[in-house]
């Protein structure tokens, strides 16, 4: 999903077939070398970032694959999801993701995809977020306190800066070592992009 499509669909988070799917396998390169290296957040580790959006059908399809892949990563690799923030409404959903991260409830990550894409819940709205939290048997006052906390604000601002630094305009996109970016549209498929990421991790490891 590209930025323009996401912004067009923000009113109801309704997503149709992603035009990028038509480009799978057509890109001449399977990855992009960044002109300027982006500083990584974890010194001494190879950082892999996945930029995603809960309203993106391809991000949802990719999620089980990337989750299984992340479980097998070696100790010198750190995998981090970054929810894209293209406007105020996506900021609200990104804030919900970071609240799950801080409260150690990422087991509910999948339920947000379902809430947005199938139930059409407006999870940028505080009342709807409270409704979602209650439905998932969370301590609503505590959860909402974290949702509006300084810590979550800081994580949201960092995500905004990363999106700017990497010039992210479509999702899902993966960045490796602050030096490379790739996506299924470049690699040809969701499965293929993870193989590309593995090769880029090795390239960073060797300093190539």
C-alpha atoms as a PDB file:
ATOM      1  CA  UNK A   1       0.000   0.000   0.000  1.00  0.00           C
ATOM      2  CA  UNK A   2       1.350   3.408  -0.923  1.00  0.00           C
ATOM      3  CA  UNK A   3       0.928   6.644   1.000  1.00  0.00           C
ATOM      4  CA  UNK A   4      -1.633   8.184  -1.350  1.00  0.00           C
ATOM      5  CA  UNK A   5      -3.871   5.123  -1.221  1.00  0.00           C
ATOM      6  CA  UNK A   6      -3.664   4.999   2.571  1.00  0.00           C
ATOM      7  CA  UNK A   7      -4.643   8.636   2.882  1.00  0.00           C
ATOM      8  CA  UNK A   8      -7.556   8.149   0.487  1.00  0.00           C
ATOM      9  CA  UNK A   9      -8.878   5.272   2.584  1.00  0.00           C
ATOM     10  CA  UNK A  10      -8.402   6.792   6.028  1.00  0.00           C
ATOM     11  CA  UNK A  11     -12.065   7.702   6.463  1.00  0.00           C
ATOM     12  CA  UNK A  12     -13.148   4.090   6.896  1.00  0.00           C
ATOM     13  CA  UNK A  13      -9.799   2.212   6.736  1.00  0.00           C
ATOM     14  CA  UNK A  14     -11.371   0.255   3.890  1.00  0.00           C
ATOM     15  CA  UNK A  15      -8.739  -1.389   1.723  1.00  0.00           C
ATOM     16  CA  UNK A  16      -9.198  -2.855  -1.723  1.00  0.00           C
ATOM     17  CA  UNK A  17      -6.614  -4.826  -3.659  1.00  0.00           C
ATOM     18  CA  UNK A  18      -3.232  -3.172  -3.403  1.00  0.00           C
ATOM     19  CA  UNK A  19      -1.996  -1.814  -6.763  1.00  0.00           C
ATOM     20  CA  UNK A  20       1.520  -2.753  -5.674  1.00  0.00           C
ATOM     21  CA  UNK A  21       0.546  -6.426  -5.962  1.00  0.00           C
ATOM     22  CA  UNK A  22       0.453  -5.934  -9.723  1.00  0.00           C
ATOM     23  CA  UNK A  23       4.103  -4.967  -9.605  1.00  0.00           C
ATOM     24  CA  UNK A  24       5.316  -8.097  -7.790  1.00  0.00           C
ATOM     25  CA  UNK A  25       8.231  -9.517  -9.724  1.00  0.00           C
ATOM     26  CA  UNK A  26       8.518  -6.570 -12.098  1.00  0.00           C
ATOM     27  CA  UNK A  27      11.164  -4.499 -10.300  1.00  0.00           C
ATOM     28  CA  UNK A  28      14.660  -4.840 -11.806  1.00  0.00           C
ATOM     29  CA  UNK A  29      16.324  -4.794  -8.364  1.00  0.00           C
ATOM     30  CA  UNK A  30      15.385  -6.800  -5.283  1.00  0.00           C
ATOM     31  CA  UNK A  31      16.618  -4.111  -2.895  1.00  0.00           C
ATOM     32  CA  UNK A  32      17.622  -0.468  -2.746  1.00  0.00           C
ATOM     33  CA  UNK A  33      20.889   0.938  -1.384  1.00  0.00           C
ATOM     34  CA  UNK A  34      20.214   4.095   0.596  1.00  0.00           C
ATOM     35  CA  UNK A  35      22.092   7.170  -0.537  1.00  0.00           C
ATOM     36  CA  UNK A  36      22.621   8.236   3.085  1.00  0.00           C
ATOM     37  CA  UNK A  37      22.991   5.696   5.876  1.00  0.00           C
ATOM     38  CA  UNK A  38      20.387   6.009   8.642  1.00  0.00           C
ATOM     39  CA  UNK A  39      21.721   5.667  12.214  1.00  0.00           C
ATOM     40  CA  UNK A  40      20.526   2.481  13.931  1.00  0.00           C
ATOM     41  CA  UNK A  41      18.998   2.424  17.382  1.00  0.00           C
ATOM     42  CA  UNK A  42      20.828  -0.624  18.760  1.00  0.00           C
ATOM     43  CA  UNK A  43      24.619  -0.377  18.805  1.00  0.00           C
ATOM     44  CA  UNK A  44      26.441  -3.595  17.959  1.00  0.00           C
ATOM     45  CA  UNK A  45      23.347  -5.202  16.411  1.00  0.00           C
ATOM     46  CA  UNK A  46      22.064  -5.523  12.864  1.00  0.00           C
ATOM     47  CA  UNK A  47      18.761  -3.680  12.836  1.00  0.00           C
ATOM     48  CA  UNK A  48      15.863  -4.843  10.653  1.00  0.00           C
ATOM     49  CA  UNK A  49      12.812  -2.579  10.564  1.00  0.00           C
ATOM     50  CA  UNK A  50       9.430  -3.500   9.150  1.00  0.00           C
ATOM     51  CA  UNK A  51       7.316  -0.482   8.225  1.00  0.00           C
ATOM     52  CA  UNK A  52       3.663  -1.487   8.209  1.00  0.00           C
ATOM     53  CA  UNK A  53       0.099  -0.188   8.471  1.00  0.00           C
ATOM     54  CA  UNK A  54      -2.833  -1.996  10.100  1.00  0.00           C
ATOM     55  CA  UNK A  55      -5.093  -1.044   7.206  1.00  0.00           C
ATOM     56  CA  UNK A  56      -2.799  -2.631   4.605  1.00  0.00           C
ATOM     57  CA  UNK A  57      -4.012  -6.031   3.399  1.00  0.00           C
ATOM     58  CA  UNK A  58      -0.511  -7.006   2.252  1.00  0.00           C
ATOM     59  CA  UNK A  59       0.909  -6.162   5.684  1.00  0.00           C
ATOM     60  CA  UNK A  60      -1.699  -8.485   7.171  1.00  0.00           C
ATOM     61  CA  UNK A  61      -0.802 -11.274   4.732  1.00  0.00           C
ATOM     62  CA  UNK A  62       2.899 -10.750   5.445  1.00  0.00           C
ATOM     63  CA  UNK A  63       2.531 -10.745   9.249  1.00  0.00           C
ATOM     64  CA  UNK A  64       2.561 -14.528   9.928  1.00  0.00           C
ATOM     65  CA  UNK A  65       5.540 -15.005   7.627  1.00  0.00           C
ATOM     66  CA  UNK A  66       7.629 -12.231   9.137  1.00  0.00           C
ATOM     67  CA  UNK A  67       6.653 -13.282  12.677  1.00  0.00           C
ATOM     68  CA  UNK A  68       7.901 -16.840  12.090  1.00  0.00           C
ATOM     69  CA  UNK A  69      11.034 -15.512  10.416  1.00  0.00           C
ATOM     70  CA  UNK A  70      11.752 -13.152  13.332  1.00  0.00           C
ATOM     71  CA  UNK A  71      11.607 -16.016  15.830  1.00  0.00           C
ATOM     72  CA  UNK A  72      14.614 -17.650  14.147  1.00  0.00           C
ATOM     73  CA  UNK A  73      16.886 -14.617  13.986  1.00  0.00           C
ATOM     74  CA  UNK A  74      20.408 -14.911  15.448  1.00  0.00           C
ATOM     75  CA  UNK A  75      21.421 -12.921  18.510  1.00  0.00           C
ATOM     76  CA  UNK A  76      23.193 -10.217  16.534  1.00  0.00           C
ATOM     77  CA  UNK A  77      19.979  -9.191  14.704  1.00  0.00           C
ATOM     78  CA  UNK A  78      17.208  -7.016  16.164  1.00  0.00           C
ATOM     79  CA  UNK A  79      13.799  -6.945  14.460  1.00  0.00           C
ATOM     80  CA  UNK A  80      11.517  -3.954  15.084  1.00  0.00           C
ATOM     81  CA  UNK A  81       8.101  -3.138  13.671  1.00  0.00           C
ATOM     82  CA  UNK A  82       7.424   0.517  12.844  1.00  0.00           C
ATOM     83  CA  UNK A  83       3.799   1.545  12.197  1.00  0.00           C
ATOM     84  CA  UNK A  84       3.688   4.218   9.506  1.00  0.00           C
ATOM     85  CA  UNK A  85       2.216   7.582  10.415  1.00  0.00           C
ATOM     86  CA  UNK A  86       0.841   9.418   7.400  1.00  0.00           C
ATOM     87  CA  UNK A  87      -1.421  11.874   9.152  1.00  0.00           C
ATOM     88  CA  UNK A  88      -3.273  12.159  12.449  1.00  0.00           C
ATOM     89  CA  UNK A  89      -5.516   9.125  12.033  1.00  0.00           C
ATOM     90  CA  UNK A  90      -2.645   6.727  11.452  1.00  0.00           C
ATOM     91  CA  UNK A  91      -0.900   8.268  14.444  1.00  0.00           C
ATOM     92  CA  UNK A  92      -3.761   7.014  16.618  1.00  0.00           C
ATOM     93  CA  UNK A  93      -3.397   3.436  15.402  1.00  0.00           C
ATOM     94  CA  UNK A  94       0.397   3.626  15.744  1.00  0.00           C
ATOM     95  CA  UNK A  95      -0.106   4.797  19.313  1.00  0.00           C
ATOM     96  CA  UNK A  96      -2.218   1.706  19.954  1.00  0.00           C
ATOM     97  CA  UNK A  97       0.583  -0.544  18.660  1.00  0.00           C
ATOM     98  CA  UNK A  98       3.128   1.110  20.937  1.00  0.00           C
ATOM     99  CA  UNK A  99       0.781   0.807  23.893  1.00  0.00           C
ATOM    100  CA  UNK A 100       0.699  -2.948  23.292  1.00  0.00           C
ATOM    101  CA  UNK A 101       4.488  -2.946  23.061  1.00  0.00           C
ATOM    102  CA  UNK A 102       4.950  -1.069  26.349  1.00  0.00           C
ATOM    103  CA  UNK A 103       2.350  -3.142  28.200  1.00  0.00           C
ATOM    104  CA  UNK A 104       3.799  -6.388  26.800  1.00  0.00           C
ATOM    105  CA  UNK A 105       0.530  -7.330  25.093  1.00  0.00           C
ATOM    106  CA  UNK A 106       1.725  -7.814  21.538  1.00  0.00           C
ATOM    107  CA  UNK A 107      -0.269 -11.035  21.590  1.00  0.00           C
ATOM    108  CA  UNK A 108      -3.111  -8.670  20.594  1.00  0.00           C
ATOM    109  CA  UNK A 109      -1.237  -7.387  17.525  1.00  0.00           C
ATOM    110  CA  UNK A 110      -3.291  -9.558  15.164  1.00  0.00           C
ATOM    111  CA  UNK A 111      -6.573  -8.394  16.683  1.00  0.00           C
ATOM    112  CA  UNK A 112      -5.868  -4.832  15.521  1.00  0.00           C
ATOM    113  CA  UNK A 113      -5.565  -5.987  11.912  1.00  0.00           C
ATOM    114  CA  UNK A 114      -8.939  -7.700  12.317  1.00  0.00           C
ATOM    115  CA  UNK A 115     -10.526  -4.683  14.014  1.00  0.00           C
ATOM    116  CA  UNK A 116      -9.376  -2.324  11.273  1.00  0.00           C
ATOM    117  CA  UNK A 117      -9.787  -4.445   8.164  1.00  0.00           C
ATOM    118  CA  UNK A 118     -12.795  -6.616   8.988  1.00  0.00           C
ATOM    119  CA  UNK A 119     -14.733  -4.727  11.663  1.00  0.00           C
ATOM    120  CA  UNK A 120     -13.878  -1.271  10.248  1.00  0.00           C
ATOM    121  CA  UNK A 121     -13.237   0.081  13.743  1.00  0.00           C
ATOM    122  CA  UNK A 122     -11.981   3.666  13.858  1.00  0.00           C
ATOM    123  CA  UNK A 123      -9.052   3.015  16.176  1.00  0.00           C
ATOM    124  CA  UNK A 124      -7.828   6.587  15.970  1.00  0.00           C
ATOM    125  CA  UNK A 125     -10.845   7.528  18.121  1.00  0.00           C
ATOM    126  CA  UNK A 126     -10.320   7.420  21.911  1.00  0.00           C
ATOM    127  CA  UNK A 127     -13.802   6.079  22.632  1.00  0.00           C
ATOM    128  CA  UNK A 128     -13.345   3.292  20.097  1.00  0.00           C
ATOM    129  CA  UNK A 129      -9.911   2.449  21.547  1.00  0.00           C
ATOM    130  CA  UNK A 130     -11.532   2.146  24.987  1.00  0.00           C
ATOM    131  CA  UNK A 131     -14.216  -0.105  23.493  1.00  0.00           C
ATOM    132  CA  UNK A 132     -11.531  -2.260  21.854  1.00  0.00           C
ATOM    133  CA  UNK A 133      -9.540  -2.472  25.104  1.00  0.00           C
ATOM    134  CA  UNK A 134     -12.631  -3.496  27.071  1.00  0.00           C
ATOM    135  CA  UNK A 135     -13.544  -6.134  24.468  1.00  0.00           C
ATOM    136  CA  UNK A 136     -10.051  -7.599  24.835  1.00  0.00           C
ATOM    137  CA  UNK A 137     -10.406  -7.759  28.648  1.00  0.00           C
ATOM    138  CA  UNK A 138      -7.734  -5.156  29.357  1.00  0.00           C
ATOM    139  CA  UNK A 139      -7.622  -2.896  32.409  1.00  0.00           C
ATOM    140  CA  UNK A 140      -9.067   0.063  30.518  1.00  0.00           C
ATOM    141  CA  UNK A 141      -7.975   2.940  32.840  1.00  0.00           C
ATOM    142  CA  UNK A 142      -4.436   1.566  33.082  1.00  0.00           C
ATOM    143  CA  UNK A 143      -4.249   0.843  29.358  1.00  0.00           C
ATOM    144  CA  UNK A 144      -5.475   4.298  28.376  1.00  0.00           C
ATOM    145  CA  UNK A 145      -3.037   5.866  30.816  1.00  0.00           C
ATOM    146  CA  UNK A 146      -0.202   4.143  28.959  1.00  0.00           C
ATOM    147  CA  UNK A 147      -1.770   5.065  25.609  1.00  0.00           C
ATOM    148  CA  UNK A 148      -1.463   8.768  26.515  1.00  0.00           C
ATOM    149  CA  UNK A 149       1.862   8.452  28.375  1.00  0.00           C
ATOM    150  CA  UNK A 150       5.170  10.209  27.784  1.00  0.00           C
ATOM    151  CA  UNK A 151       6.788   6.874  26.913  1.00  0.00           C
ATOM    152  CA  UNK A 152       4.332   6.116  24.128  1.00  0.00           C
ATOM    153  CA  UNK A 153       4.553   9.721  22.903  1.00  0.00           C
ATOM    154  CA  UNK A 154       8.322   9.257  22.606  1.00  0.00           C
ATOM    155  CA  UNK A 155       7.934   6.037  20.609  1.00  0.00           C
ATOM    156  CA  UNK A 156       5.432   7.687  18.251  1.00  0.00           C
ATOM    157  CA  UNK A 157       7.819  10.584  17.640  1.00  0.00           C
ATOM    158  CA  UNK A 158      10.665   8.168  16.946  1.00  0.00           C
ATOM    159  CA  UNK A 159       8.487   6.331  14.419  1.00  0.00           C
ATOM    160  CA  UNK A 160       7.699   9.616  12.699  1.00  0.00           C
ATOM    161  CA  UNK A 161      11.403  10.400  12.474  1.00  0.00           C
ATOM    162  CA  UNK A 162      12.242   6.959  11.070  1.00  0.00           C
ATOM    163  CA  UNK A 163       9.533   7.278   8.422  1.00  0.00           C
ATOM    164  CA  UNK A 164      11.012  10.629   7.454  1.00  0.00           C
ATOM    165  CA  UNK A 165      14.620   9.370   7.480  1.00  0.00           C
ATOM    166  CA  UNK A 166      13.813   6.368   5.311  1.00  0.00           C
ATOM    167  CA  UNK A 167      11.353   8.315   3.115  1.00  0.00           C
ATOM    168  CA  UNK A 168       8.765   5.560   3.485  1.00  0.00           C
ATOM    169  CA  UNK A 169       5.925   5.923   0.978  1.00  0.00           C
ATOM    170  CA  UNK A 170       4.648   2.339   0.756  1.00  0.00           C
ATOM    171  CA  UNK A 171       4.212  -0.682   3.000  1.00  0.00           C
ATOM    172  CA  UNK A 172       5.211  -3.280   3.903  1.00  0.00           C
ATOM    173  CA  UNK A 173       8.817  -2.155   3.514  1.00  0.00           C
ATOM    174  CA  UNK A 174      11.856  -3.550   5.306  1.00  0.00           C
ATOM    175  CA  UNK A 175      15.066  -1.689   6.124  1.00  0.00           C
ATOM    176  CA  UNK A 176      18.304  -3.489   6.996  1.00  0.00           C
ATOM    177  CA  UNK A 177      21.246  -2.059   8.894  1.00  0.00           C
ATOM    178  CA  UNK A 178      20.315   1.515   8.085  1.00  0.00           C
ATOM    179  CA  UNK A 179      21.751   0.897   4.618  1.00  0.00           C
ATOM    180  CA  UNK A 180      19.261  -1.094   2.553  1.00  0.00           C
ATOM    181  CA  UNK A 181      15.523  -1.223   1.868  1.00  0.00           C
ATOM    182  CA  UNK A 182      13.439  -3.910   0.207  1.00  0.00           C
ATOM    183  CA  UNK A 183       9.839  -4.991  -0.252  1.00  0.00           C
ATOM    184  CA  UNK A 184       7.757  -7.724  -1.823  1.00  0.00           C
ATOM    185  CA  UNK A 185       7.214  -5.527  -4.868  1.00  0.00           C
ATOM    186  CA  UNK A 186      10.996  -5.429  -5.366  1.00  0.00           C
ATOM    187  CA  UNK A 187      11.717  -9.061  -4.489  1.00  0.00           C
ATOM    188  CA  UNK A 188       8.699 -10.635  -6.193  1.00  0.00           C
ATOM    189  CA  UNK A 189       6.788 -12.081  -3.224  1.00  0.00           C
ATOM    190  CA  UNK A 190       6.496 -11.997   0.557  1.00  0.00           C
ATOM    191  CA  UNK A 191       8.526 -15.195   0.814  1.00  0.00           C
ATOM    192  CA  UNK A 192      11.221 -13.892  -1.517  1.00  0.00           C
ATOM    193  CA  UNK A 193      11.646 -10.611   0.346  1.00  0.00           C
ATOM    194  CA  UNK A 194      12.625 -12.439   3.529  1.00  0.00           C
ATOM    195  CA  UNK A 195      15.349 -14.269   1.594  1.00  0.00           C
ATOM    196  CA  UNK A 196      16.556 -10.882   0.352  1.00  0.00           C
ATOM    197  CA  UNK A 197      16.588  -9.577   3.920  1.00  0.00           C
ATOM    198  CA  UNK A 198      18.628 -12.611   5.024  1.00  0.00           C
ATOM    199  CA  UNK A 199      21.201 -11.873   2.315  1.00  0.00           C
ATOM    200  CA  UNK A 200      21.314  -8.199   3.308  1.00  0.00           C
ATOM    201  CA  UNK A 201      21.834  -9.141   6.961  1.00  0.00           C
ATOM    202  CA  UNK A 202      24.821 -11.231   5.902  1.00  0.00           C
ATOM    203  CA  UNK A 203      26.111  -8.367   3.801  1.00  0.00           C
ATOM    204  CA  UNK A 204      25.920  -5.985   6.764  1.00  0.00           C
ATOM    205  CA  UNK A 205      27.526  -8.597   9.022  1.00  0.00           C
ATOM    206  CA  UNK A 206      30.489  -8.844   6.664  1.00  0.00           C
ATOM    207  CA  UNK A 207      30.701  -5.078   6.233  1.00  0.00           C
ATOM    208  CA  UNK A 208      30.134  -5.400   2.510  1.00  0.00           C
END
